[in-house]
N, C-alpha and C. Protein backbone atom coordinates (compact mmCIF):
# COMPACT_ATOMS: atom_id res chain seq x y z
N UNK A 1 75.39 -103.48 -68.53
CA UNK A 1 74.60 -104.66 -68.31
C UNK A 1 74.79 -105.19 -66.89
N UNK A 2 76.01 -105.23 -66.41
CA UNK A 2 76.26 -105.75 -65.06
C UNK A 2 75.65 -104.85 -63.99
N UNK A 3 75.54 -103.54 -64.27
CA UNK A 3 75.00 -102.62 -63.28
C UNK A 3 73.53 -102.88 -63.01
N UNK A 4 72.82 -103.48 -63.96
CA UNK A 4 71.41 -103.80 -63.73
C UNK A 4 71.25 -104.81 -62.60
N UNK A 5 72.27 -105.58 -62.34
CA UNK A 5 72.22 -106.55 -61.23
C UNK A 5 72.19 -105.85 -59.88
N UNK A 6 72.68 -104.62 -59.83
CA UNK A 6 72.78 -103.89 -58.57
C UNK A 6 71.64 -102.90 -58.35
N UNK A 7 70.78 -102.76 -59.34
CA UNK A 7 69.66 -101.84 -59.20
C UNK A 7 68.61 -102.43 -58.27
N UNK A 8 68.07 -101.58 -57.47
CA UNK A 8 66.98 -102.00 -56.59
C UNK A 8 65.68 -101.96 -57.37
N UNK A 9 64.88 -102.97 -57.20
CA UNK A 9 63.58 -102.97 -57.86
C UNK A 9 62.57 -102.26 -56.96
N UNK A 10 61.45 -101.91 -57.56
CA UNK A 10 60.38 -101.28 -56.77
C UNK A 10 59.93 -102.22 -55.67
N UNK A 11 59.89 -103.51 -55.94
CA UNK A 11 59.47 -104.48 -54.93
C UNK A 11 60.45 -104.50 -53.75
N UNK A 12 61.74 -104.45 -54.04
CA UNK A 12 62.72 -104.40 -52.96
C UNK A 12 62.54 -103.14 -52.12
N UNK A 13 62.26 -102.02 -52.77
CA UNK A 13 62.03 -100.78 -52.04
C UNK A 13 60.78 -100.89 -51.17
N UNK A 14 59.74 -101.53 -51.69
CA UNK A 14 58.51 -101.73 -50.93
C UNK A 14 58.78 -102.55 -49.68
N UNK A 15 59.48 -103.64 -49.85
CA UNK A 15 59.78 -104.54 -48.73
C UNK A 15 60.67 -103.84 -47.72
N UNK A 16 61.66 -103.12 -48.20
CA UNK A 16 62.55 -102.38 -47.29
C UNK A 16 61.79 -101.31 -46.53
N UNK A 17 60.87 -100.66 -47.20
CA UNK A 17 60.07 -99.62 -46.54
C UNK A 17 59.18 -100.22 -45.45
N UNK A 18 58.51 -101.32 -45.77
CA UNK A 18 57.67 -101.98 -44.77
C UNK A 18 58.50 -102.43 -43.57
N UNK A 19 59.61 -103.09 -43.86
CA UNK A 19 60.46 -103.60 -42.78
C UNK A 19 61.03 -102.44 -41.96
N UNK A 20 61.45 -101.39 -42.63
CA UNK A 20 61.99 -100.23 -41.92
C UNK A 20 60.97 -99.62 -40.98
N UNK A 21 59.71 -99.55 -41.42
CA UNK A 21 58.66 -99.01 -40.56
C UNK A 21 58.43 -99.90 -39.35
N UNK A 22 58.44 -101.20 -39.56
CA UNK A 22 58.25 -102.15 -38.46
C UNK A 22 59.39 -102.03 -37.45
N UNK A 23 60.61 -101.98 -37.95
CA UNK A 23 61.78 -101.86 -37.06
C UNK A 23 61.72 -100.54 -36.29
N UNK A 24 61.40 -99.46 -36.98
CA UNK A 24 61.33 -98.16 -36.31
C UNK A 24 60.26 -98.15 -35.23
N UNK A 25 59.13 -98.76 -35.50
CA UNK A 25 58.06 -98.83 -34.50
C UNK A 25 58.51 -99.64 -33.29
N UNK A 26 59.16 -100.78 -33.55
CA UNK A 26 59.62 -101.64 -32.45
C UNK A 26 60.69 -100.97 -31.60
N UNK A 27 61.37 -100.00 -32.15
CA UNK A 27 62.44 -99.32 -31.41
C UNK A 27 62.00 -98.02 -30.75
N UNK A 28 60.72 -97.71 -30.81
CA UNK A 28 60.26 -96.48 -30.16
C UNK A 28 60.62 -96.52 -28.67
N UNK A 29 61.22 -95.46 -28.16
CA UNK A 29 61.66 -95.44 -26.77
C UNK A 29 60.54 -95.69 -25.76
N UNK A 30 59.32 -95.32 -26.09
CA UNK A 30 58.23 -95.50 -25.11
C UNK A 30 57.99 -96.96 -24.75
N UNK A 31 58.30 -97.87 -25.65
CA UNK A 31 58.13 -99.29 -25.32
C UNK A 31 59.07 -99.69 -24.18
N UNK A 32 60.22 -99.06 -24.14
CA UNK A 32 61.23 -99.40 -23.14
C UNK A 32 61.03 -98.60 -21.85
N UNK A 33 60.52 -97.40 -21.99
CA UNK A 33 60.27 -96.56 -20.81
C UNK A 33 58.91 -96.83 -20.20
N UNK A 34 57.85 -96.58 -20.96
CA UNK A 34 56.51 -96.67 -20.40
C UNK A 34 55.95 -98.10 -20.34
N UNK A 35 56.36 -98.94 -21.26
CA UNK A 35 55.86 -100.32 -21.29
C UNK A 35 56.74 -101.28 -20.51
N UNK A 36 57.92 -100.86 -20.12
CA UNK A 36 58.79 -101.69 -19.30
C UNK A 36 59.46 -102.84 -20.03
N UNK A 37 59.54 -102.78 -21.36
CA UNK A 37 60.25 -103.81 -22.11
C UNK A 37 61.74 -103.60 -21.87
N UNK A 38 62.47 -104.68 -21.64
CA UNK A 38 63.90 -104.57 -21.40
C UNK A 38 64.61 -104.01 -22.64
N UNK A 39 65.41 -102.97 -22.45
CA UNK A 39 66.16 -102.38 -23.56
C UNK A 39 67.46 -103.16 -23.73
N UNK A 40 67.29 -104.38 -24.21
CA UNK A 40 68.40 -105.30 -24.44
C UNK A 40 68.25 -105.89 -25.84
N UNK A 41 69.23 -106.66 -26.25
CA UNK A 41 69.13 -107.34 -27.55
C UNK A 41 67.87 -108.20 -27.57
N UNK A 42 67.62 -108.94 -26.51
CA UNK A 42 66.44 -109.80 -26.47
C UNK A 42 65.14 -108.99 -26.45
N UNK A 43 65.11 -107.92 -25.69
CA UNK A 43 63.91 -107.09 -25.64
C UNK A 43 63.60 -106.48 -27.00
N UNK A 44 64.62 -106.00 -27.67
CA UNK A 44 64.42 -105.42 -29.00
C UNK A 44 63.98 -106.48 -30.00
N UNK A 45 64.58 -107.65 -29.91
CA UNK A 45 64.17 -108.76 -30.78
C UNK A 45 62.70 -109.11 -30.54
N UNK A 46 62.31 -109.20 -29.28
CA UNK A 46 60.93 -109.57 -28.96
C UNK A 46 59.93 -108.55 -29.50
N UNK A 47 60.24 -107.27 -29.40
CA UNK A 47 59.33 -106.26 -29.95
C UNK A 47 59.30 -106.30 -31.47
N UNK A 48 60.43 -106.56 -32.08
CA UNK A 48 60.45 -106.70 -33.54
C UNK A 48 59.58 -107.87 -33.96
N UNK A 49 59.73 -109.00 -33.29
CA UNK A 49 58.94 -110.18 -33.61
C UNK A 49 57.45 -109.90 -33.42
N UNK A 50 57.10 -109.23 -32.34
CA UNK A 50 55.70 -108.88 -32.08
C UNK A 50 55.12 -108.09 -33.25
N UNK A 51 55.80 -107.05 -33.68
CA UNK A 51 55.30 -106.22 -34.77
C UNK A 51 55.30 -106.97 -36.10
N UNK A 52 56.33 -107.74 -36.34
CA UNK A 52 56.40 -108.49 -37.59
C UNK A 52 55.32 -109.56 -37.64
N UNK A 53 55.09 -110.24 -36.54
CA UNK A 53 54.07 -111.30 -36.51
C UNK A 53 52.69 -110.75 -36.80
N UNK A 54 52.34 -109.62 -36.21
CA UNK A 54 51.02 -109.02 -36.44
C UNK A 54 50.90 -108.58 -37.91
N UNK A 55 51.96 -108.02 -38.46
CA UNK A 55 51.95 -107.58 -39.85
C UNK A 55 51.84 -108.77 -40.79
N UNK A 56 52.63 -109.81 -40.55
CA UNK A 56 52.59 -110.98 -41.43
C UNK A 56 51.24 -111.67 -41.39
N UNK A 57 50.61 -111.70 -40.22
CA UNK A 57 49.26 -112.28 -40.14
C UNK A 57 48.29 -111.50 -41.02
N UNK A 58 48.42 -110.17 -41.02
CA UNK A 58 47.54 -109.36 -41.87
C UNK A 58 47.81 -109.65 -43.34
N UNK A 59 49.06 -109.71 -43.73
CA UNK A 59 49.40 -109.97 -45.13
C UNK A 59 48.94 -111.36 -45.57
N UNK A 60 49.00 -112.33 -44.67
CA UNK A 60 48.61 -113.69 -45.00
C UNK A 60 47.11 -113.82 -45.27
N UNK A 61 46.32 -112.91 -44.72
CA UNK A 61 44.87 -112.97 -44.91
C UNK A 61 44.43 -112.55 -46.30
N UNK A 62 45.31 -111.93 -47.05
CA UNK A 62 44.98 -111.45 -48.39
C UNK A 62 45.87 -112.17 -49.39
N UNK A 63 45.25 -112.93 -50.28
CA UNK A 63 46.00 -113.73 -51.25
C UNK A 63 46.97 -112.88 -52.06
N UNK A 64 46.58 -111.65 -52.38
CA UNK A 64 47.44 -110.79 -53.19
C UNK A 64 48.66 -110.27 -52.42
N UNK A 65 48.69 -110.47 -51.09
CA UNK A 65 49.78 -109.95 -50.27
C UNK A 65 50.68 -111.05 -49.70
N UNK A 66 50.36 -112.29 -49.96
CA UNK A 66 51.13 -113.38 -49.35
C UNK A 66 52.59 -113.40 -49.80
N UNK A 67 52.83 -113.14 -51.09
CA UNK A 67 54.22 -113.10 -51.56
C UNK A 67 54.99 -111.96 -50.91
N UNK A 68 54.30 -110.85 -50.71
CA UNK A 68 54.92 -109.72 -50.02
C UNK A 68 55.27 -110.10 -48.58
N UNK A 69 54.38 -110.83 -47.93
CA UNK A 69 54.64 -111.30 -46.57
C UNK A 69 55.86 -112.21 -46.53
N UNK A 70 55.96 -113.11 -47.50
CA UNK A 70 57.12 -114.01 -47.53
C UNK A 70 58.41 -113.23 -47.74
N UNK A 71 58.37 -112.25 -48.64
CA UNK A 71 59.56 -111.43 -48.89
C UNK A 71 59.94 -110.62 -47.65
N UNK A 72 58.93 -110.15 -46.91
CA UNK A 72 59.19 -109.42 -45.67
C UNK A 72 59.84 -110.33 -44.64
N UNK A 73 59.34 -111.55 -44.52
CA UNK A 73 59.94 -112.51 -43.59
C UNK A 73 61.37 -112.84 -44.01
N UNK A 74 61.60 -113.00 -45.31
CA UNK A 74 62.95 -113.29 -45.81
C UNK A 74 63.92 -112.15 -45.45
N UNK A 75 63.45 -110.91 -45.56
CA UNK A 75 64.30 -109.78 -45.19
C UNK A 75 64.60 -109.80 -43.69
N UNK A 76 63.61 -110.13 -42.88
CA UNK A 76 63.82 -110.28 -41.44
C UNK A 76 64.93 -111.31 -41.18
N UNK A 77 64.86 -112.44 -41.86
CA UNK A 77 65.88 -113.49 -41.67
C UNK A 77 67.27 -113.00 -42.07
N UNK A 78 67.35 -112.30 -43.20
CA UNK A 78 68.65 -111.74 -43.61
C UNK A 78 69.16 -110.73 -42.59
N UNK A 79 68.26 -109.92 -42.07
CA UNK A 79 68.64 -108.92 -41.07
C UNK A 79 69.15 -109.60 -39.80
N UNK A 80 68.47 -110.64 -39.36
CA UNK A 80 68.92 -111.36 -38.17
C UNK A 80 70.27 -112.01 -38.40
N UNK A 81 70.47 -112.59 -39.58
CA UNK A 81 71.75 -113.19 -39.93
C UNK A 81 72.85 -112.13 -39.88
N UNK A 82 72.59 -110.98 -40.50
CA UNK A 82 73.57 -109.88 -40.50
C UNK A 82 73.87 -109.41 -39.07
N UNK A 83 72.84 -109.29 -38.25
CA UNK A 83 73.03 -108.84 -36.88
C UNK A 83 73.87 -109.82 -36.07
N UNK A 84 73.61 -111.10 -36.26
CA UNK A 84 74.40 -112.11 -35.56
C UNK A 84 75.87 -111.99 -35.93
N UNK A 85 76.13 -111.82 -37.20
CA UNK A 85 77.51 -111.70 -37.67
C UNK A 85 78.17 -110.43 -37.12
N UNK A 86 77.39 -109.32 -37.08
CA UNK A 86 77.92 -108.08 -36.53
C UNK A 86 78.23 -108.20 -35.04
N UNK A 87 77.48 -109.05 -34.35
CA UNK A 87 77.70 -109.26 -32.92
C UNK A 87 78.86 -110.23 -32.67
N UNK A 88 79.47 -110.72 -33.75
CA UNK A 88 80.64 -111.56 -33.60
C UNK A 88 80.37 -113.05 -33.60
N UNK A 89 79.17 -113.47 -33.93
CA UNK A 89 78.88 -114.90 -34.01
C UNK A 89 79.60 -115.44 -35.23
N UNK A 90 80.32 -116.53 -35.06
CA UNK A 90 81.12 -117.12 -36.13
C UNK A 90 80.27 -117.80 -37.19
N UNK A 91 80.88 -117.98 -38.36
CA UNK A 91 80.18 -118.57 -39.50
C UNK A 91 79.59 -119.94 -39.20
N UNK A 92 80.27 -120.74 -38.41
CA UNK A 92 79.76 -122.08 -38.10
C UNK A 92 78.62 -122.05 -37.09
N UNK A 93 78.57 -121.01 -36.29
CA UNK A 93 77.53 -120.90 -35.26
C UNK A 93 76.26 -120.20 -35.77
N UNK A 94 76.39 -119.39 -36.83
CA UNK A 94 75.25 -118.63 -37.34
C UNK A 94 74.06 -119.52 -37.69
N UNK A 95 74.24 -120.64 -38.42
CA UNK A 95 73.07 -121.46 -38.74
C UNK A 95 72.34 -121.98 -37.49
N UNK A 96 73.07 -122.33 -36.46
CA UNK A 96 72.43 -122.79 -35.22
C UNK A 96 71.64 -121.66 -34.57
N UNK A 97 72.24 -120.47 -34.55
CA UNK A 97 71.55 -119.32 -33.98
C UNK A 97 70.33 -118.93 -34.80
N UNK A 98 70.44 -119.05 -36.12
CA UNK A 98 69.30 -118.73 -36.99
C UNK A 98 68.17 -119.74 -36.78
N UNK A 99 68.51 -120.97 -36.49
CA UNK A 99 67.47 -121.95 -36.17
C UNK A 99 66.73 -121.53 -34.90
N UNK A 100 67.48 -121.05 -33.92
CA UNK A 100 66.86 -120.57 -32.68
C UNK A 100 65.98 -119.34 -32.95
N UNK A 101 66.46 -118.46 -33.81
CA UNK A 101 65.67 -117.28 -34.18
C UNK A 101 64.36 -117.72 -34.83
N UNK A 102 64.45 -118.66 -35.75
CA UNK A 102 63.24 -119.17 -36.41
C UNK A 102 62.27 -119.81 -35.43
N UNK A 103 62.79 -120.62 -34.54
CA UNK A 103 61.93 -121.26 -33.54
C UNK A 103 61.27 -120.21 -32.64
N UNK A 104 62.05 -119.22 -32.24
CA UNK A 104 61.50 -118.15 -31.40
C UNK A 104 60.42 -117.38 -32.14
N UNK A 105 60.69 -117.06 -33.40
CA UNK A 105 59.69 -116.32 -34.17
C UNK A 105 58.41 -117.13 -34.30
N UNK A 106 58.51 -118.35 -34.77
CA UNK A 106 57.31 -119.15 -35.01
C UNK A 106 56.54 -119.44 -33.73
N UNK A 107 57.24 -119.69 -32.64
CA UNK A 107 56.57 -119.93 -31.36
C UNK A 107 55.82 -118.71 -30.88
N UNK A 108 56.47 -117.55 -30.96
CA UNK A 108 55.82 -116.31 -30.52
C UNK A 108 54.67 -115.93 -31.45
N UNK A 109 54.89 -116.06 -32.76
CA UNK A 109 53.84 -115.72 -33.72
C UNK A 109 52.60 -116.57 -33.50
N UNK A 110 52.80 -117.85 -33.23
CA UNK A 110 51.66 -118.74 -32.98
C UNK A 110 50.94 -118.33 -31.70
N UNK A 111 51.69 -118.04 -30.66
CA UNK A 111 51.07 -117.64 -29.39
C UNK A 111 50.29 -116.33 -29.55
N UNK A 112 50.85 -115.38 -30.30
CA UNK A 112 50.16 -114.11 -30.52
C UNK A 112 48.91 -114.30 -31.38
N UNK A 113 49.02 -115.12 -32.41
CA UNK A 113 47.87 -115.38 -33.28
C UNK A 113 46.74 -116.00 -32.47
N UNK A 114 47.08 -116.97 -31.64
CA UNK A 114 46.06 -117.62 -30.80
C UNK A 114 45.49 -116.63 -29.79
N UNK A 115 46.34 -115.79 -29.23
CA UNK A 115 45.88 -114.79 -28.26
C UNK A 115 44.95 -113.77 -28.87
N UNK A 116 45.28 -113.34 -30.09
CA UNK A 116 44.43 -112.36 -30.77
C UNK A 116 43.09 -112.97 -31.18
N UNK A 117 43.08 -114.26 -31.46
CA UNK A 117 41.85 -114.94 -31.90
C UNK A 117 40.98 -115.37 -30.72
N UNK A 118 41.56 -115.47 -29.54
CA UNK A 118 40.83 -115.97 -28.37
C UNK A 118 39.75 -114.99 -27.93
N UNK A 119 38.68 -115.54 -27.37
CA UNK A 119 37.62 -114.69 -26.85
C UNK A 119 38.03 -114.01 -25.55
N UNK A 120 38.87 -114.68 -24.78
CA UNK A 120 39.35 -114.10 -23.53
C UNK A 120 40.60 -113.25 -23.80
N UNK A 121 40.60 -112.03 -23.29
CA UNK A 121 41.76 -111.15 -23.44
C UNK A 121 42.97 -111.70 -22.69
N UNK A 122 42.73 -112.54 -21.70
CA UNK A 122 43.82 -113.08 -20.88
C UNK A 122 44.80 -113.93 -21.68
N UNK A 123 44.33 -114.58 -22.74
CA UNK A 123 45.22 -115.45 -23.52
C UNK A 123 46.35 -114.63 -24.15
N UNK A 124 46.02 -113.50 -24.72
CA UNK A 124 47.05 -112.65 -25.32
C UNK A 124 47.92 -112.02 -24.24
N UNK A 125 47.33 -111.60 -23.15
CA UNK A 125 48.10 -111.00 -22.05
C UNK A 125 49.13 -112.01 -21.54
N UNK A 126 48.73 -113.26 -21.39
CA UNK A 126 49.65 -114.29 -20.91
C UNK A 126 50.77 -114.54 -21.92
N UNK A 127 50.43 -114.54 -23.22
CA UNK A 127 51.46 -114.73 -24.25
C UNK A 127 52.46 -113.58 -24.22
N UNK A 128 51.96 -112.37 -24.08
CA UNK A 128 52.84 -111.20 -24.00
C UNK A 128 53.69 -111.26 -22.74
N UNK A 129 53.07 -111.58 -21.62
CA UNK A 129 53.82 -111.65 -20.36
C UNK A 129 54.95 -112.68 -20.46
N UNK A 130 54.65 -113.80 -21.03
CA UNK A 130 55.63 -114.89 -21.13
C UNK A 130 56.75 -114.52 -22.11
N UNK A 131 56.40 -114.00 -23.28
CA UNK A 131 57.39 -113.79 -24.34
C UNK A 131 58.14 -112.47 -24.23
N UNK A 132 57.49 -111.44 -23.74
CA UNK A 132 58.14 -110.12 -23.68
C UNK A 132 58.76 -109.87 -22.31
N UNK A 133 58.05 -110.29 -21.27
CA UNK A 133 58.47 -109.95 -19.91
C UNK A 133 58.98 -111.14 -19.11
N UNK A 134 58.99 -112.32 -19.68
CA UNK A 134 59.44 -113.49 -18.95
C UNK A 134 58.56 -113.77 -17.74
N UNK A 135 57.26 -113.55 -17.88
CA UNK A 135 56.26 -113.79 -16.84
C UNK A 135 56.34 -112.81 -15.68
N UNK A 136 57.26 -111.86 -15.72
CA UNK A 136 57.39 -110.90 -14.61
C UNK A 136 57.54 -109.49 -15.17
N UNK A 137 56.42 -108.85 -15.56
CA UNK A 137 56.54 -107.50 -16.11
C UNK A 137 57.20 -106.53 -15.13
N UNK A 138 57.98 -105.63 -15.71
CA UNK A 138 58.64 -104.62 -14.88
C UNK A 138 57.61 -103.70 -14.23
N UNK A 139 56.53 -103.47 -14.91
CA UNK A 139 55.42 -102.68 -14.39
C UNK A 139 54.22 -103.61 -14.31
N UNK A 140 53.43 -103.58 -13.25
CA UNK A 140 52.34 -104.55 -13.06
C UNK A 140 51.39 -104.70 -14.23
N UNK A 141 51.02 -103.63 -14.88
CA UNK A 141 50.04 -103.70 -15.95
C UNK A 141 50.67 -103.65 -17.35
N UNK A 142 51.97 -103.80 -17.42
CA UNK A 142 52.66 -103.66 -18.71
C UNK A 142 52.19 -104.68 -19.73
N UNK A 143 52.01 -105.91 -19.33
CA UNK A 143 51.58 -106.94 -20.28
C UNK A 143 50.17 -106.66 -20.79
N UNK A 144 49.30 -106.17 -19.93
CA UNK A 144 47.94 -105.81 -20.35
C UNK A 144 48.00 -104.67 -21.36
N UNK A 145 48.81 -103.70 -21.07
CA UNK A 145 48.92 -102.54 -21.96
C UNK A 145 49.49 -102.94 -23.32
N UNK A 146 50.53 -103.77 -23.32
CA UNK A 146 51.13 -104.19 -24.58
C UNK A 146 50.18 -105.08 -25.38
N UNK A 147 49.42 -105.93 -24.69
CA UNK A 147 48.42 -106.75 -25.38
C UNK A 147 47.35 -105.86 -26.01
N UNK A 148 46.95 -104.81 -25.31
CA UNK A 148 45.97 -103.87 -25.85
C UNK A 148 46.54 -103.17 -27.09
N UNK A 149 47.80 -102.79 -27.01
CA UNK A 149 48.46 -102.18 -28.17
C UNK A 149 48.46 -103.16 -29.35
N UNK A 150 48.76 -104.42 -29.08
CA UNK A 150 48.77 -105.42 -30.15
C UNK A 150 47.41 -105.55 -30.80
N UNK A 151 46.36 -105.54 -30.00
CA UNK A 151 45.00 -105.63 -30.56
C UNK A 151 44.71 -104.41 -31.44
N UNK A 152 45.15 -103.24 -31.00
CA UNK A 152 44.96 -102.03 -31.80
C UNK A 152 45.76 -102.12 -33.11
N UNK A 153 46.98 -102.64 -33.03
CA UNK A 153 47.80 -102.79 -34.24
C UNK A 153 47.14 -103.76 -35.21
N UNK A 154 46.67 -104.89 -34.71
CA UNK A 154 46.01 -105.88 -35.57
C UNK A 154 44.76 -105.28 -36.20
N UNK A 155 44.00 -104.54 -35.41
CA UNK A 155 42.79 -103.91 -35.93
C UNK A 155 43.14 -102.88 -37.00
N UNK A 156 44.13 -102.03 -36.74
CA UNK A 156 44.53 -101.00 -37.70
C UNK A 156 45.07 -101.62 -38.99
N UNK A 157 45.89 -102.64 -38.86
CA UNK A 157 46.42 -103.31 -40.05
C UNK A 157 45.31 -103.95 -40.86
N UNK A 158 44.31 -104.47 -40.16
CA UNK A 158 43.19 -105.11 -40.83
C UNK A 158 42.35 -104.16 -41.67
N UNK A 159 42.39 -102.88 -41.34
CA UNK A 159 41.60 -101.89 -42.10
C UNK A 159 42.38 -101.30 -43.27
N UNK A 160 43.66 -101.59 -43.36
CA UNK A 160 44.47 -101.00 -44.43
C UNK A 160 44.28 -101.77 -45.74
N UNK A 161 44.19 -101.02 -46.80
CA UNK A 161 43.99 -101.58 -48.13
C UNK A 161 45.27 -102.26 -48.64
N UNK A 162 45.12 -103.32 -49.42
CA UNK A 162 46.30 -103.98 -50.00
C UNK A 162 47.19 -103.02 -50.80
N UNK A 163 46.60 -102.05 -51.46
CA UNK A 163 47.39 -101.12 -52.27
C UNK A 163 48.40 -100.35 -51.42
N UNK A 164 48.05 -100.06 -50.18
CA UNK A 164 48.99 -99.38 -49.30
C UNK A 164 50.20 -100.24 -48.99
N UNK A 165 49.94 -101.50 -48.65
CA UNK A 165 51.05 -102.41 -48.37
C UNK A 165 51.94 -102.57 -49.60
N UNK A 166 51.30 -102.72 -50.77
CA UNK A 166 52.05 -102.90 -52.01
C UNK A 166 52.87 -101.66 -52.37
N UNK A 167 52.48 -100.52 -51.82
CA UNK A 167 53.24 -99.27 -52.03
C UNK A 167 54.29 -99.07 -50.93
N UNK A 168 54.38 -100.02 -50.01
CA UNK A 168 55.38 -99.90 -48.94
C UNK A 168 54.92 -99.08 -47.76
N UNK A 169 53.61 -98.89 -47.65
CA UNK A 169 53.07 -98.08 -46.56
C UNK A 169 52.37 -98.96 -45.53
N UNK A 170 52.67 -98.66 -44.30
CA UNK A 170 52.05 -99.40 -43.20
C UNK A 170 51.80 -98.41 -42.07
N UNK A 171 50.63 -98.51 -41.46
CA UNK A 171 50.29 -97.63 -40.34
C UNK A 171 50.12 -98.48 -39.09
N UNK A 172 50.85 -98.09 -38.08
CA UNK A 172 50.74 -98.75 -36.77
C UNK A 172 50.31 -97.70 -35.75
N UNK A 173 49.58 -98.12 -34.72
CA UNK A 173 49.07 -97.15 -33.76
C UNK A 173 50.17 -96.52 -32.91
N UNK A 174 49.86 -95.38 -32.36
CA UNK A 174 50.76 -94.69 -31.45
C UNK A 174 50.72 -95.43 -30.10
N UNK A 175 51.81 -96.02 -29.68
CA UNK A 175 51.79 -96.77 -28.41
C UNK A 175 51.51 -95.88 -27.20
N UNK A 176 51.81 -94.60 -27.30
CA UNK A 176 51.52 -93.70 -26.18
C UNK A 176 50.03 -93.45 -26.02
N UNK A 177 49.24 -93.73 -27.06
CA UNK A 177 47.80 -93.53 -26.98
C UNK A 177 47.11 -94.67 -26.23
N UNK A 178 47.82 -95.75 -25.97
CA UNK A 178 47.24 -96.88 -25.24
C UNK A 178 47.39 -96.59 -23.75
N UNK A 179 46.27 -96.47 -23.08
CA UNK A 179 46.28 -96.19 -21.65
C UNK A 179 45.44 -97.23 -20.93
N UNK A 180 45.77 -97.46 -19.69
CA UNK A 180 45.02 -98.41 -18.88
C UNK A 180 43.90 -97.68 -18.15
N UNK A 181 42.76 -98.34 -18.06
CA UNK A 181 41.65 -97.78 -17.29
C UNK A 181 41.54 -98.55 -15.99
N UNK A 182 40.78 -98.04 -15.06
CA UNK A 182 40.78 -98.56 -13.69
C UNK A 182 40.39 -100.01 -13.53
N UNK A 183 39.55 -100.55 -14.43
CA UNK A 183 39.10 -101.92 -14.21
C UNK A 183 40.10 -102.96 -14.74
N UNK A 184 41.33 -102.55 -14.94
CA UNK A 184 42.43 -103.39 -15.37
C UNK A 184 42.28 -103.89 -16.80
N UNK A 185 41.37 -103.31 -17.54
CA UNK A 185 41.33 -103.55 -18.98
C UNK A 185 41.91 -102.31 -19.62
N UNK A 186 42.09 -102.35 -20.90
CA UNK A 186 42.74 -101.23 -21.57
C UNK A 186 41.87 -100.70 -22.69
N UNK A 187 42.11 -99.46 -23.05
CA UNK A 187 41.42 -98.87 -24.19
C UNK A 187 42.33 -97.84 -24.82
N UNK A 188 41.95 -97.44 -26.01
CA UNK A 188 42.70 -96.40 -26.70
C UNK A 188 41.97 -95.09 -26.51
N UNK A 189 42.73 -94.06 -26.25
CA UNK A 189 42.15 -92.72 -26.21
C UNK A 189 42.08 -92.21 -27.63
N UNK A 190 40.99 -91.60 -27.98
CA UNK A 190 40.87 -91.03 -29.33
C UNK A 190 41.37 -89.62 -29.37
């Protein structure tokens, strides 16, 4: 009877699978090499937040997926808490740091949501430049390229059926397929 408390449910597996895919995508080396994102704790956090925010926005648009989105966010919070503790942050400091994590997530998610909804591509590029690159991209067009990738991710997530998410499946675009064209806008190569 007590062992049933330790069994993973299908829902937990679904959430873990979704989160694992998001984390793996955010850690792809090309983001740090070709996109110029700093390969630091902050850079990795920012890419995780970017991917999670786009995914959560997609889940929020479908009433049948909102609980899944909340569970995914809850796992993110547990993961951040665990990471802080592994980095040596003390028990009394963790709640303060988690408040900062929450503020950072919500601020970035709002900026990305507004950027994706804006008619001007510059709004998202500015949000990416500010949040990922600190207003000074390592590569001149890096913020444009990452904003283009975000638009592709949002578009791809928007076409995925709820049944896929509920099965723990998520498809994100290949970041290497995002290339810049000469007029300083971006497109995806097919």
